Amino acid sequence: MAYVLGYIVADGCIIKRKNRKESYVLNITSKDRQHLYKIKKVLESEHSISEKQNTQGQESYQLQITNTAICKDLLSLGVVPRKTYLPISLIDIPDSYFADFFRGFFDGDGTVYVYEVNGTPQIKATLTSTDDRFLENINTKLCKLLHLSPKKVHKVNLSNLNKYDNFIRKINLYKTHYYVEDCEKLGEYMYNHNPQLYLERKRRVFEKWKAIQRRSYRKQNYPSKIGWKLRKNTQLIRARSSDGQSASLTSKRSQVQVLPGP
């Protein structure tokens, strides 16, 4: 159930029913219909799953549950109506359940992908929330449990991003990021205890990363994108020199000024 709570905090909401005192509906959305069926089974719900479109016209699915007991339990935990616009309570999750809670939250409001920097594979995971205090709390606890260096929470500038619609522009978005070794620890933390509930497409990214043969490097000396290019140029000049081909450094003065030393 800790997973379901994390997922509801990310991709669920409580709706107050009009003209009905103390009547609420739990609404859970997902792009993955099959994933909603798994959550429905855990909640022992007989409610149907329907199709809907989000504010950007993209197709998704929703599970609406009219269960007073479940809704009141969620309200007591801080999952309030209109939580997109209101601060989320700092939900206190015991350490023994935090991996499941975090995995649920990550499946709802997290992203992970593999990319390359000048031919070198990298992996990056991001958490997103409309509540900076909640994200700070999650981030702080995660870093403590996994012995990660503290991560900053950044406010997203939406003013110049066309991909965000008018609805998104009315709220604040905050993000925090995890790279490479931290991502590996994140994946181990979420999946190594063989959980039953997880979003398959996100787990596959972590599995893909395990299979990638990466260039070894020391994290504290990891070069920038420019650094990779400059180091490559240095190696090229040295290789030519060792082959007896004179490299005219004077004719490449602009390169010499930025080439790193041995």
Protein backbone atom coordinates (compact mmCIF):
# COMPACT_ATOMS: atom_id res chain seq x y z
CA MET A 1 0.00 0.00 0.00
CA ALA A 2 2.97 2.34 0.48
CA TYR A 3 3.54 2.18 -3.29
CA VAL A 4 -0.09 3.10 -3.99
CA LEU A 5 0.13 6.04 -1.58
CA GLY A 6 3.25 7.32 -3.36
CA TYR A 7 1.58 6.95 -6.74
CA ILE A 8 -1.58 8.75 -5.55
CA VAL A 9 0.52 11.62 -4.17
CA ALA A 10 2.01 11.97 -7.67
CA ASP A 11 -0.81 11.06 -10.09
CA GLY A 12 -3.93 10.94 -7.96
CA CYS A 13 -6.29 13.42 -6.40
CA ILE A 14 -9.25 13.67 -4.06
CA ILE A 15 -12.34 15.31 -5.54
CA LYS A 16 -15.02 16.85 -3.28
CA ARG A 17 -18.41 15.89 -4.67
CA LYS A 18 -20.75 18.86 -5.10
CA ASN A 19 -23.93 19.07 -3.04
CA ARG A 20 -22.91 16.04 -0.98
CA LYS A 21 -21.62 16.54 2.53
CA GLU A 22 -18.42 14.65 3.37
CA SER A 23 -18.50 12.86 0.01
CA TYR A 24 -15.27 12.39 -1.95
CA VAL A 25 -13.97 10.57 -5.01
CA LEU A 26 -10.44 9.23 -5.42
CA ASN A 27 -9.18 9.75 -8.96
CA ILE A 28 -5.99 8.01 -10.18
CA THR A 29 -4.65 8.63 -13.69
CA SER A 30 -2.00 6.95 -15.83
CA LYS A 31 -0.88 6.63 -19.44
CA ASP A 32 -0.60 2.89 -18.82
CA ARG A 33 -3.96 1.12 -18.61
CA GLN A 34 -2.44 -2.15 -17.38
CA HIS A 35 -0.71 -0.37 -14.54
CA LEU A 36 -4.05 1.01 -13.33
CA TYR A 37 -5.42 -2.55 -13.33
CA LYS A 38 -2.62 -3.57 -10.95
CA ILE A 39 -3.42 -0.67 -8.61
CA LYS A 40 -7.13 -1.47 -8.85
CA LYS A 41 -6.40 -5.04 -7.77
CA VAL A 42 -4.35 -3.91 -4.76
CA LEU A 43 -7.17 -1.58 -3.67
CA GLU A 44 -9.70 -4.39 -4.20
CA SER A 45 -11.79 -2.02 -6.28
CA GLU A 46 -14.57 -3.04 -8.64
CA HIS A 47 -14.75 0.39 -10.28
CA SER A 48 -14.12 0.64 -14.01
CA ILE A 49 -11.16 2.24 -15.77
CA SER A 50 -12.10 4.85 -18.37
CA GLU A 51 -10.28 6.81 -21.05
CA LYS A 52 -9.70 10.56 -20.80
CA GLN A 53 -7.62 13.32 -22.35
CA ASN A 54 -5.30 15.53 -20.38
CA THR A 55 -5.06 19.30 -20.78
CA GLN A 56 -2.68 18.83 -23.73
CA GLY A 57 -5.05 16.50 -25.57
CA GLN A 58 -3.00 13.37 -24.84
CA GLU A 59 -4.83 10.13 -24.17
CA SER A 60 -4.64 8.64 -20.68
CA TYR A 61 -6.73 6.47 -18.35
CA GLN A 62 -8.37 7.04 -15.00
CA LEU A 63 -9.68 4.99 -12.11
CA GLN A 64 -12.33 6.72 -10.00
CA ILE A 65 -13.13 5.19 -6.62
CA THR A 66 -16.02 6.31 -4.44
CA ASN A 67 -14.91 4.82 -1.15
CA THR A 68 -15.40 7.04 1.89
CA ALA A 69 -12.98 5.10 4.11
CA ILE A 70 -10.11 5.24 1.60
CA CYS A 71 -10.68 8.93 0.87
CA LYS A 72 -10.77 9.86 4.56
CA ASP A 73 -7.57 7.93 5.19
CA LEU A 74 -5.88 9.83 2.35
CA LEU A 75 -7.22 13.15 3.64
CA SER A 76 -5.77 12.41 7.06
CA LEU A 77 -2.39 11.75 5.43
CA GLY A 78 -2.42 15.10 3.63
CA VAL A 79 -3.70 14.18 0.16
CA VAL A 80 -6.14 17.08 -0.02
CA PRO A 81 -8.53 18.22 -2.78
CA ARG A 82 -6.85 20.56 -5.30
CA LYS A 83 -3.42 19.40 -4.12
CA THR A 84 -1.92 20.74 -7.37
CA TYR A 85 -2.52 24.26 -6.06
CA LEU A 86 -2.12 23.65 -2.32
CA PRO A 87 0.94 22.56 -0.32
CA ILE A 88 1.15 18.81 0.30
CA SER A 89 1.58 17.80 3.91
CA LEU A 90 5.01 16.43 4.76
CA ILE A 91 3.89 12.81 4.87
CA ASP A 92 5.94 10.82 7.39
CA ILE A 93 6.79 7.45 5.86
CA PRO A 94 8.71 4.93 8.02
CA ASP A 95 12.10 3.96 6.58
CA SER A 96 10.98 0.34 6.12
CA TYR A 97 8.23 1.46 3.69
CA PHE A 98 9.99 4.38 2.07
CA ALA A 99 11.41 2.42 -0.90
CA ASP A 100 7.90 1.37 -1.92
CA PHE A 101 6.48 4.85 -1.34
CA PHE A 102 9.29 6.46 -3.31
CA ARG A 103 8.94 3.99 -6.19
CA GLY A 104 5.23 4.88 -6.42
CA PHE A 105 5.98 8.59 -6.39
CA PHE A 106 8.74 8.13 -8.96
CA ASP A 107 6.45 6.14 -11.27
CA GLY A 108 3.98 9.01 -11.13
CA ASP A 109 6.15 12.14 -11.10
CA GLY A 110 9.62 10.90 -12.00
CA THR A 111 11.49 10.46 -15.26
CA VAL A 112 14.60 8.52 -16.22
CA TYR A 113 16.44 8.25 -19.51
CA VAL A 114 19.79 7.28 -21.00
CA TYR A 115 21.61 9.77 -23.22
CA GLU A 116 25.12 10.51 -24.46
CA VAL A 117 27.65 13.26 -23.87
CA ASN A 118 30.10 13.20 -26.78
CA GLY A 119 29.66 9.46 -27.21
CA THR A 120 29.76 8.64 -23.50
CA PRO A 121 26.52 7.08 -22.16
CA GLN A 122 24.91 8.78 -19.18
CA ILE A 123 21.74 8.20 -17.15
CA LYS A 124 19.64 10.87 -15.48
CA ALA A 125 16.59 10.68 -13.21
CA THR A 126 14.38 13.62 -12.28
CA LEU A 127 11.69 14.16 -9.66
CA THR A 128 9.01 16.81 -10.22
CA SER A 129 6.49 18.37 -7.84
CA THR A 130 4.35 21.47 -7.48
CA ASP A 131 5.35 21.69 -3.80
CA ASP A 132 8.97 22.61 -3.12
CA ARG A 133 8.79 21.74 0.60
CA PHE A 134 7.44 18.28 -0.15
CA LEU A 135 10.12 17.66 -2.77
CA GLU A 136 12.81 18.90 -0.38
CA ASN A 137 11.54 16.48 2.25
CA ILE A 138 11.53 13.51 -0.15
CA ASN A 139 14.94 14.44 -1.53
CA THR A 140 16.53 14.90 1.91
CA LYS A 141 15.27 11.56 3.20
CA LEU A 142 16.31 9.74 0.04
CA CYS A 143 19.84 11.18 0.12
CA LYS A 144 20.16 10.24 3.78
CA LEU A 145 19.01 6.65 3.28
CA LEU A 146 21.16 6.11 0.17
CA HIS A 147 24.15 8.10 1.45
CA LEU A 148 24.02 10.51 -1.48
CA SER A 149 25.40 14.02 -1.51
CA PRO A 150 22.64 16.63 -0.98
CA LYS A 151 20.73 17.60 -4.12
CA LYS A 152 19.26 21.01 -4.87
CA VAL A 153 15.61 21.57 -5.71
CA HIS A 154 15.20 23.98 -8.63
CA LYS A 155 12.18 26.01 -9.66
CA VAL A 156 11.31 25.47 -13.33
CA ASN A 157 11.04 28.56 -15.51
CA LEU A 158 7.88 28.01 -17.56
CA SER A 159 7.57 31.45 -19.14
CA ASN A 160 9.52 30.66 -22.30
CA LEU A 161 8.59 27.01 -22.74
CA ASN A 162 5.95 26.52 -25.41
CA LYS A 163 5.35 22.89 -24.51
CA TYR A 164 3.62 23.89 -21.28
CA ASP A 165 -0.04 24.79 -21.67
CA ASN A 166 -1.94 27.55 -19.87
CA PHE A 167 -2.91 25.21 -17.03
CA ILE A 168 0.71 24.44 -16.21
CA ARG A 169 1.69 28.10 -16.41
CA LYS A 170 -0.65 28.87 -13.50
CA ILE A 171 1.30 26.72 -11.06
CA ASN A 172 4.89 26.38 -9.86
CA LEU A 173 6.99 23.36 -10.78
CA TYR A 174 10.09 22.18 -8.95
CA LYS A 175 12.65 19.56 -9.96
CA THR A 176 15.64 17.73 -8.56
CA HIS A 177 18.06 15.58 -10.55
CA TYR A 178 20.19 12.46 -10.02
CA TYR A 179 23.04 11.39 -12.32
CA VAL A 180 25.03 8.23 -13.09
CA GLU A 181 26.19 6.62 -9.78
CA ASP A 182 23.32 8.23 -7.87
CA CYS A 183 20.93 6.85 -10.50
CA GLU A 184 22.40 3.39 -10.08
CA LYS A 185 21.80 3.54 -6.32
CA LEU A 186 18.29 4.81 -7.00
CA GLY A 187 17.51 1.82 -9.22
CA GLU A 188 18.94 -0.66 -6.73
CA TYR A 189 16.96 0.93 -3.91
CA MET A 190 13.65 0.75 -5.78
CA TYR A 191 13.92 -2.70 -7.37
CA ASN A 192 16.41 -4.90 -5.54
CA HIS A 193 13.84 -6.22 -3.03
CA ASN A 194 11.84 -7.74 -5.91
CA PRO A 195 8.71 -5.58 -5.67
CA GLN A 196 5.40 -6.58 -7.25
CA LEU A 197 4.24 -3.08 -8.20
CA TYR A 198 6.29 -0.90 -10.56
CA LEU A 199 5.98 0.81 -13.92
CA GLU A 200 7.67 -1.57 -16.35
CA ARG A 201 8.84 1.04 -18.88
CA LYS A 202 10.78 2.94 -16.20
CA ARG A 203 12.36 -0.15 -14.74
CA ARG A 204 13.49 -1.16 -18.24
CA VAL A 205 15.56 2.05 -18.48
CA PHE A 206 17.51 1.06 -15.34
CA GLU A 207 17.95 -2.48 -16.72
CA LYS A 208 19.18 -1.04 -20.03
CA TRP A 209 21.73 1.05 -18.16
CA LYS A 210 23.14 -2.03 -16.43
CA ALA A 211 23.88 -3.56 -19.82
CA ILE A 212 25.75 -0.54 -21.19
CA GLN A 213 29.53 -0.73 -21.19
CA ARG A 214 30.64 2.74 -20.15
CA ARG A 215 33.99 4.49 -20.33
CA SER A 216 35.50 4.50 -16.85
CA TYR A 217 36.13 7.84 -15.17
CA ARG A 218 36.50 9.43 -11.77
CA LYS A 219 33.36 11.31 -10.88
CA GLN A 220 35.11 14.29 -9.26
CA ASN A 221 37.20 14.82 -12.42
CA TYR A 222 34.39 14.27 -14.90
CA PRO A 223 34.99 16.65 -17.80
CA SER A 224 32.47 19.01 -19.29
CA LYS A 225 31.25 18.66 -22.88
CA ILE A 226 33.95 21.12 -23.94
CA GLY A 227 36.48 19.16 -21.92
CA TRP A 228 35.76 16.00 -23.88
CA LYS A 229 36.39 17.80 -27.19
CA LEU A 230 39.57 19.46 -25.95
CA ARG A 231 40.93 16.22 -24.55
CA LYS A 232 40.24 14.51 -27.86
CA ASN A 233 42.14 17.25 -29.71
CA THR A 234 45.06 16.87 -27.31
CA GLN A 235 45.27 13.15 -27.92
CA LEU A 236 45.18 13.74 -31.69
CA ILE A 237 48.09 16.21 -31.59
CA ARG A 238 50.15 13.91 -29.34
CA ALA A 239 49.47 10.93 -31.60
CA ARG A 240 50.69 12.82 -34.66
CA SER A 241 53.80 13.94 -32.81
CA SER A 242 54.63 10.38 -31.72
CA ASP A 243 54.34 9.20 -35.34
CA GLY A 244 57.05 11.62 -36.38
CA GLN A 245 54.63 14.04 -37.96
CA SER A 246 55.37 17.50 -36.63
CA ALA A 247 52.33 19.21 -35.16
CA SER A 248 52.62 22.91 -35.76
CA LEU A 249 51.52 24.31 -32.41
CA THR A 250 52.36 27.84 -33.43
CA SER A 251 49.88 27.68 -36.30
CA LYS A 252 47.23 26.43 -33.83
CA ARG A 253 47.73 29.04 -31.18
CA SER A 254 44.05 29.22 -30.32
CA GLN A 255 44.04 25.50 -29.53
CA VAL A 256 47.21 25.60 -27.45
CA GLN A 257 45.70 28.21 -25.15
CA VAL A 258 42.93 25.87 -24.04
CA LEU A 259 44.52 22.43 -24.24
CA PRO A 260 44.77 20.74 -20.83
CA GLY A 261 48.12 19.50 -19.57
CA PRO A 262 49.14 15.83 -19.29
